[in-house]
Amino acid sequence: DTLQQIRDDMSATIYPSYLGQPPKEVGSASAGSLSADQWRTFCLVNLPITLTRIWSSVDTSERRKLLLINFLDLVVAVKRATAKKLDPETIASFESHMLKYVRGLRYIFPDVDLTPNHHLALHLGEVLRDFGPTHAYWSFPFERYIRLVRDASQNSRPSELLPCGIE
């Protein structure tokens, strides 16, 4: 089972402290919903490890090999788009891999419509040229703060929710 192999590989993975670790039982209801940072780790670290291992073998179907290549184009595109330092070559690499990914989706899933996000992703190169690395304006830190507030005990005493007792 692919999901179990992913979980097994996740258990054997040692993560640097700056990565948001996905729950060990990812894919089950008990794991809850993943944060954007956990999704990023899952898709850029965990899935490439396992899927490359199990879908690149000689006896893997051609469809799975196409799915793997397509997914890895997305992984490379995301890694390029989220690089801390950008240069014209990195942005061009992002654009190339994102275009290959979207074209691959059209080829592998001809009867499925692309979403507006697929179209918008094709314009991210322009945004990277205009505004620089995404870490300067992405929202992971805000998402973490929102999660902390959401999970805080709400006991009808607002002053206890704020870190410095401001009402």
C-alpha atoms as a PDB file:
ATOM      1  CA  ASP A   1       0.000   0.000   0.000  1.00  0.00           C
ATOM      2  CA  THR A   2       1.508   3.339  -1.102  1.00  0.00           C
ATOM      3  CA  LEU A   3       0.205   5.323   1.869  1.00  0.00           C
ATOM      4  CA  GLN A   4       1.709   2.860   4.347  1.00  0.00           C
ATOM      5  CA  GLN A   5       5.066   3.021   2.557  1.00  0.00           C
ATOM      6  CA  ILE A   6       4.933   6.826   2.768  1.00  0.00           C
ATOM      7  CA  ARG A   7       4.213   6.611   6.508  1.00  0.00           C
ATOM      8  CA  ASP A   8       7.027   4.088   7.015  1.00  0.00           C
ATOM      9  CA  ASP A   9       9.493   6.363   5.221  1.00  0.00           C
ATOM     10  CA  MET A  10       8.239   9.349   7.225  1.00  0.00           C
ATOM     11  CA  SER A  11       8.953   7.469  10.468  1.00  0.00           C
ATOM     12  CA  ALA A  12      12.533   6.882   9.325  1.00  0.00           C
ATOM     13  CA  THR A  13      13.061  10.513   8.279  1.00  0.00           C
ATOM     14  CA  ILE A  14      14.966  12.943  10.476  1.00  0.00           C
ATOM     15  CA  TYR A  15      13.681  16.480   9.922  1.00  0.00           C
ATOM     16  CA  PRO A  16      15.574  19.713  10.475  1.00  0.00           C
ATOM     17  CA  SER A  17      13.944  21.867  13.154  1.00  0.00           C
ATOM     18  CA  TYR A  18      12.865  24.548  10.658  1.00  0.00           C
ATOM     19  CA  LEU A  19      10.523  22.171   8.775  1.00  0.00           C
ATOM     20  CA  GLY A  20       6.948  21.678   9.861  1.00  0.00           C
ATOM     21  CA  GLN A  21       6.605  17.938  10.382  1.00  0.00           C
ATOM     22  CA  PRO A  22       3.440  16.332   9.049  1.00  0.00           C
ATOM     23  CA  PRO A  23       1.606  14.011  11.444  1.00  0.00           C
ATOM     24  CA  LYS A  24       2.843  10.400  11.438  1.00  0.00           C
ATOM     25  CA  GLU A  25      -0.601   9.119  10.453  1.00  0.00           C
ATOM     26  CA  VAL A  26      -0.998  11.521   7.523  1.00  0.00           C
ATOM     27  CA  GLY A  27      -3.962  10.570   5.373  1.00  0.00           C
ATOM     28  CA  SER A  28      -6.128   9.393   8.258  1.00  0.00           C
ATOM     29  CA  ALA A  29      -8.869  11.326  10.016  1.00  0.00           C
ATOM     30  CA  SER A  30      -6.944  11.131  13.289  1.00  0.00           C
ATOM     31  CA  ALA A  31      -4.093  13.144  11.735  1.00  0.00           C
ATOM     32  CA  GLY A  32      -6.345  16.185  11.365  1.00  0.00           C
ATOM     33  CA  SER A  33      -5.779  18.876   8.788  1.00  0.00           C
ATOM     34  CA  LEU A  34      -2.277  19.840   7.762  1.00  0.00           C
ATOM     35  CA  SER A  35      -0.948  23.375   7.930  1.00  0.00           C
ATOM     36  CA  ALA A  36       0.501  24.871   4.757  1.00  0.00           C
ATOM     37  CA  ASP A  37       3.995  24.299   6.161  1.00  0.00           C
ATOM     38  CA  GLN A  38       3.215  20.640   6.873  1.00  0.00           C
ATOM     39  CA  TRP A  39       1.823  20.221   3.352  1.00  0.00           C
ATOM     40  CA  ARG A  40       5.008  21.751   1.981  1.00  0.00           C
ATOM     41  CA  THR A  41       7.189  19.285   3.909  1.00  0.00           C
ATOM     42  CA  PHE A  42       4.954  16.376   2.957  1.00  0.00           C
ATOM     43  CA  CYS A  43       5.018  17.279  -0.751  1.00  0.00           C
ATOM     44  CA  LEU A  44       8.630  18.454  -1.067  1.00  0.00           C
ATOM     45  CA  VAL A  45      10.312  15.938   1.256  1.00  0.00           C
ATOM     46  CA  ASN A  46       8.182  12.912   2.098  1.00  0.00           C
ATOM     47  CA  LEU A  47       6.405  12.202  -1.189  1.00  0.00           C
ATOM     48  CA  PRO A  48       9.510  12.526  -3.398  1.00  0.00           C
ATOM     49  CA  ILE A  49      11.410  10.085  -1.157  1.00  0.00           C
ATOM     50  CA  THR A  50       8.775   7.384  -1.277  1.00  0.00           C
ATOM     51  CA  LEU A  51       7.291   7.888  -4.731  1.00  0.00           C
ATOM     52  CA  THR A  52      10.705   7.981  -6.398  1.00  0.00           C
ATOM     53  CA  ARG A  53      11.636   4.746  -4.641  1.00  0.00           C
ATOM     54  CA  ILE A  54       8.459   2.832  -5.512  1.00  0.00           C
ATOM     55  CA  TRP A  55       7.435   4.393  -8.843  1.00  0.00           C
ATOM     56  CA  SER A  56      10.790   4.450 -10.620  1.00  0.00           C
ATOM     57  CA  SER A  57      11.422   0.713 -10.602  1.00  0.00           C
ATOM     58  CA  VAL A  58      11.598  -1.268 -13.832  1.00  0.00           C
ATOM     59  CA  ASP A  59       8.264  -3.026 -13.258  1.00  0.00           C
ATOM     60  CA  THR A  60       6.276   0.177 -12.534  1.00  0.00           C
ATOM     61  CA  SER A  61       3.513   1.006 -15.015  1.00  0.00           C
ATOM     62  CA  GLU A  62       4.137   3.730 -17.573  1.00  0.00           C
ATOM     63  CA  ARG A  63       1.248   5.742 -16.100  1.00  0.00           C
ATOM     64  CA  ARG A  64       2.846   5.796 -12.642  1.00  0.00           C
ATOM     65  CA  LYS A  65       6.168   6.822 -14.176  1.00  0.00           C
ATOM     66  CA  LEU A  66       4.394   9.686 -15.962  1.00  0.00           C
ATOM     67  CA  LEU A  67       2.697  10.684 -12.692  1.00  0.00           C
ATOM     68  CA  LEU A  68       6.058  10.631 -10.902  1.00  0.00           C
ATOM     69  CA  ILE A  69       7.804  12.764 -13.529  1.00  0.00           C
ATOM     70  CA  ASN A  70       4.889  15.194 -13.523  1.00  0.00           C
ATOM     71  CA  PHE A  71       4.874  15.435  -9.735  1.00  0.00           C
ATOM     72  CA  LEU A  72       8.643  15.956  -9.618  1.00  0.00           C
ATOM     73  CA  ASP A  73       8.262  18.862 -12.080  1.00  0.00           C
ATOM     74  CA  LEU A  74       5.902  20.431  -9.536  1.00  0.00           C
ATOM     75  CA  VAL A  75       8.363  19.745  -6.701  1.00  0.00           C
ATOM     76  CA  VAL A  76      11.221  21.418  -8.576  1.00  0.00           C
ATOM     77  CA  ALA A  77       8.985  24.368  -9.519  1.00  0.00           C
ATOM     78  CA  VAL A  78       7.930  24.895  -5.891  1.00  0.00           C
ATOM     79  CA  LYS A  79      11.513  24.605  -4.648  1.00  0.00           C
ATOM     80  CA  ARG A  80      12.607  27.204  -7.204  1.00  0.00           C
ATOM     81  CA  ALA A  81       9.691  29.536  -6.408  1.00  0.00           C
ATOM     82  CA  THR A  82      10.383  29.365  -2.669  1.00  0.00           C
ATOM     83  CA  ALA A  83      14.160  29.773  -2.869  1.00  0.00           C
ATOM     84  CA  LYS A  84      15.549  32.348  -0.438  1.00  0.00           C
ATOM     85  CA  LYS A  85      17.704  33.844  -3.187  1.00  0.00           C
ATOM     86  CA  LEU A  86      16.517  34.330  -6.737  1.00  0.00           C
ATOM     87  CA  ASP A  87      18.331  35.022  -9.952  1.00  0.00           C
ATOM     88  CA  PRO A  88      17.071  35.012 -13.553  1.00  0.00           C
ATOM     89  CA  GLU A  89      18.130  31.359 -14.030  1.00  0.00           C
ATOM     90  CA  THR A  90      16.179  30.190 -10.967  1.00  0.00           C
ATOM     91  CA  ILE A  91      13.066  32.020 -12.133  1.00  0.00           C
ATOM     92  CA  ALA A  92      13.454  30.601 -15.662  1.00  0.00           C
ATOM     93  CA  SER A  93      13.827  27.110 -14.170  1.00  0.00           C
ATOM     94  CA  PHE A  94      10.651  27.659 -12.128  1.00  0.00           C
ATOM     95  CA  GLU A  95       8.744  28.762 -15.236  1.00  0.00           C
ATOM     96  CA  SER A  96      10.008  25.806 -17.272  1.00  0.00           C
ATOM     97  CA  HIS A  97       9.104  23.213 -14.630  1.00  0.00           C
ATOM     98  CA  MET A  98       5.730  24.794 -13.882  1.00  0.00           C
ATOM     99  CA  LEU A  99       4.845  24.828 -17.576  1.00  0.00           C
ATOM    100  CA  LYS A 100       5.957  21.166 -17.905  1.00  0.00           C
ATOM    101  CA  TYR A 101       3.840  20.315 -14.855  1.00  0.00           C
ATOM    102  CA  VAL A 102       0.696  22.001 -16.197  1.00  0.00           C
ATOM    103  CA  ARG A 103       1.187  20.503 -19.672  1.00  0.00           C
ATOM    104  CA  GLY A 104       1.743  17.121 -18.019  1.00  0.00           C
ATOM    105  CA  LEU A 105      -1.564  17.453 -16.176  1.00  0.00           C
ATOM    106  CA  ARG A 106      -3.320  18.161 -19.472  1.00  0.00           C
ATOM    107  CA  TYR A 107      -1.679  15.094 -21.034  1.00  0.00           C
ATOM    108  CA  ILE A 108      -2.203  12.673 -18.126  1.00  0.00           C
ATOM    109  CA  PHE A 109      -5.718  13.882 -17.255  1.00  0.00           C
ATOM    110  CA  PRO A 110      -7.183  15.107 -20.575  1.00  0.00           C
ATOM    111  CA  ASP A 111     -10.785  15.085 -19.299  1.00  0.00           C
ATOM    112  CA  VAL A 112     -10.073  17.112 -16.155  1.00  0.00           C
ATOM    113  CA  ASP A 113     -10.267  20.893 -16.223  1.00  0.00           C
ATOM    114  CA  LEU A 114      -7.412  22.887 -14.806  1.00  0.00           C
ATOM    115  CA  THR A 115      -8.178  25.294 -11.975  1.00  0.00           C
ATOM    116  CA  PRO A 116      -7.543  29.057 -11.889  1.00  0.00           C
ATOM    117  CA  ASN A 117      -4.599  28.330  -9.553  1.00  0.00           C
ATOM    118  CA  HIS A 118      -2.893  26.378 -12.339  1.00  0.00           C
ATOM    119  CA  HIS A 119      -3.233  29.397 -14.607  1.00  0.00           C
ATOM    120  CA  LEU A 120      -2.068  31.798 -11.904  1.00  0.00           C
ATOM    121  CA  ALA A 121       0.989  29.632 -11.191  1.00  0.00           C
ATOM    122  CA  LEU A 122       2.096  30.224 -14.772  1.00  0.00           C
ATOM    123  CA  HIS A 123       2.320  33.955 -13.937  1.00  0.00           C
ATOM    124  CA  LEU A 124       4.306  33.539 -10.713  1.00  0.00           C
ATOM    125  CA  GLY A 125       7.582  34.078 -12.577  1.00  0.00           C
ATOM    126  CA  GLU A 126       6.491  37.675 -13.223  1.00  0.00           C
ATOM    127  CA  VAL A 127       5.710  38.102  -9.515  1.00  0.00           C
ATOM    128  CA  LEU A 128       9.114  36.694  -8.563  1.00  0.00           C
ATOM    129  CA  ARG A 129      10.819  39.159 -10.928  1.00  0.00           C
ATOM    130  CA  ASP A 130       8.801  42.087  -9.569  1.00  0.00           C
ATOM    131  CA  PHE A 131       8.790  41.305  -5.834  1.00  0.00           C
ATOM    132  CA  GLY A 132      11.665  38.897  -5.187  1.00  0.00           C
ATOM    133  CA  PRO A 133      11.725  35.743  -3.063  1.00  0.00           C
ATOM    134  CA  THR A 134       8.360  34.577  -1.776  1.00  0.00           C
ATOM    135  CA  HIS A 135       9.549  34.146   1.817  1.00  0.00           C
ATOM    136  CA  ALA A 136       9.400  37.944   2.087  1.00  0.00           C
ATOM    137  CA  TYR A 137       5.631  37.958   1.599  1.00  0.00           C
ATOM    138  CA  TRP A 138       4.231  34.457   2.111  1.00  0.00           C
ATOM    139  CA  SER A 139       1.852  33.764   4.973  1.00  0.00           C
ATOM    140  CA  PHE A 140       3.237  30.732   6.865  1.00  0.00           C
ATOM    141  CA  PRO A 141       4.081  32.813   9.975  1.00  0.00           C
ATOM    142  CA  PHE A 142       0.573  34.293  10.003  1.00  0.00           C
ATOM    143  CA  GLU A 143      -0.961  30.850   9.628  1.00  0.00           C
ATOM    144  CA  ARG A 144       1.022  29.598  12.615  1.00  0.00           C
ATOM    145  CA  TYR A 145      -0.159  32.551  14.716  1.00  0.00           C
ATOM    146  CA  ILE A 146      -3.783  32.016  13.672  1.00  0.00           C
ATOM    147  CA  ARG A 147      -3.503  28.344  14.639  1.00  0.00           C
ATOM    148  CA  LEU A 148      -2.113  29.299  18.076  1.00  0.00           C
ATOM    149  CA  VAL A 149      -4.991  31.708  18.661  1.00  0.00           C
ATOM    150  CA  ARG A 150      -7.559  29.192  17.413  1.00  0.00           C
ATOM    151  CA  ASP A 151      -6.210  26.477  19.697  1.00  0.00           C
ATOM    152  CA  ALA A 152      -5.936  28.748  22.743  1.00  0.00           C
ATOM    153  CA  SER A 153      -8.295  28.181  25.619  1.00  0.00           C
ATOM    154  CA  GLN A 154     -11.124  30.660  25.269  1.00  0.00           C
ATOM    155  CA  ASN A 155     -12.493  31.183  28.747  1.00  0.00           C
ATOM    156  CA  SER A 156     -14.311  34.508  28.274  1.00  0.00           C
ATOM    157  CA  ARG A 157     -11.289  36.364  29.666  1.00  0.00           C
ATOM    158  CA  PRO A 158      -9.759  38.117  26.638  1.00  0.00           C
ATOM    159  CA  SER A 159      -6.879  39.577  28.649  1.00  0.00           C
ATOM    160  CA  GLU A 160      -5.555  36.052  29.227  1.00  0.00           C
ATOM    161  CA  LEU A 161      -5.455  35.358  25.493  1.00  0.00           C
ATOM    162  CA  LEU A 162      -3.083  38.224  24.735  1.00  0.00           C
ATOM    163  CA  PRO A 163       0.576  37.695  25.543  1.00  0.00           C
ATOM    164  CA  CYS A 164       1.018  40.929  27.497  1.00  0.00           C
ATOM    165  CA  GLY A 165      -2.396  41.200  29.157  1.00  0.00           C
ATOM    166  CA  ILE A 166      -3.671  43.989  26.870  1.00  0.00           C
ATOM    167  CA  GLU A 167      -7.455  44.276  26.847  1.00  0.00           C
END
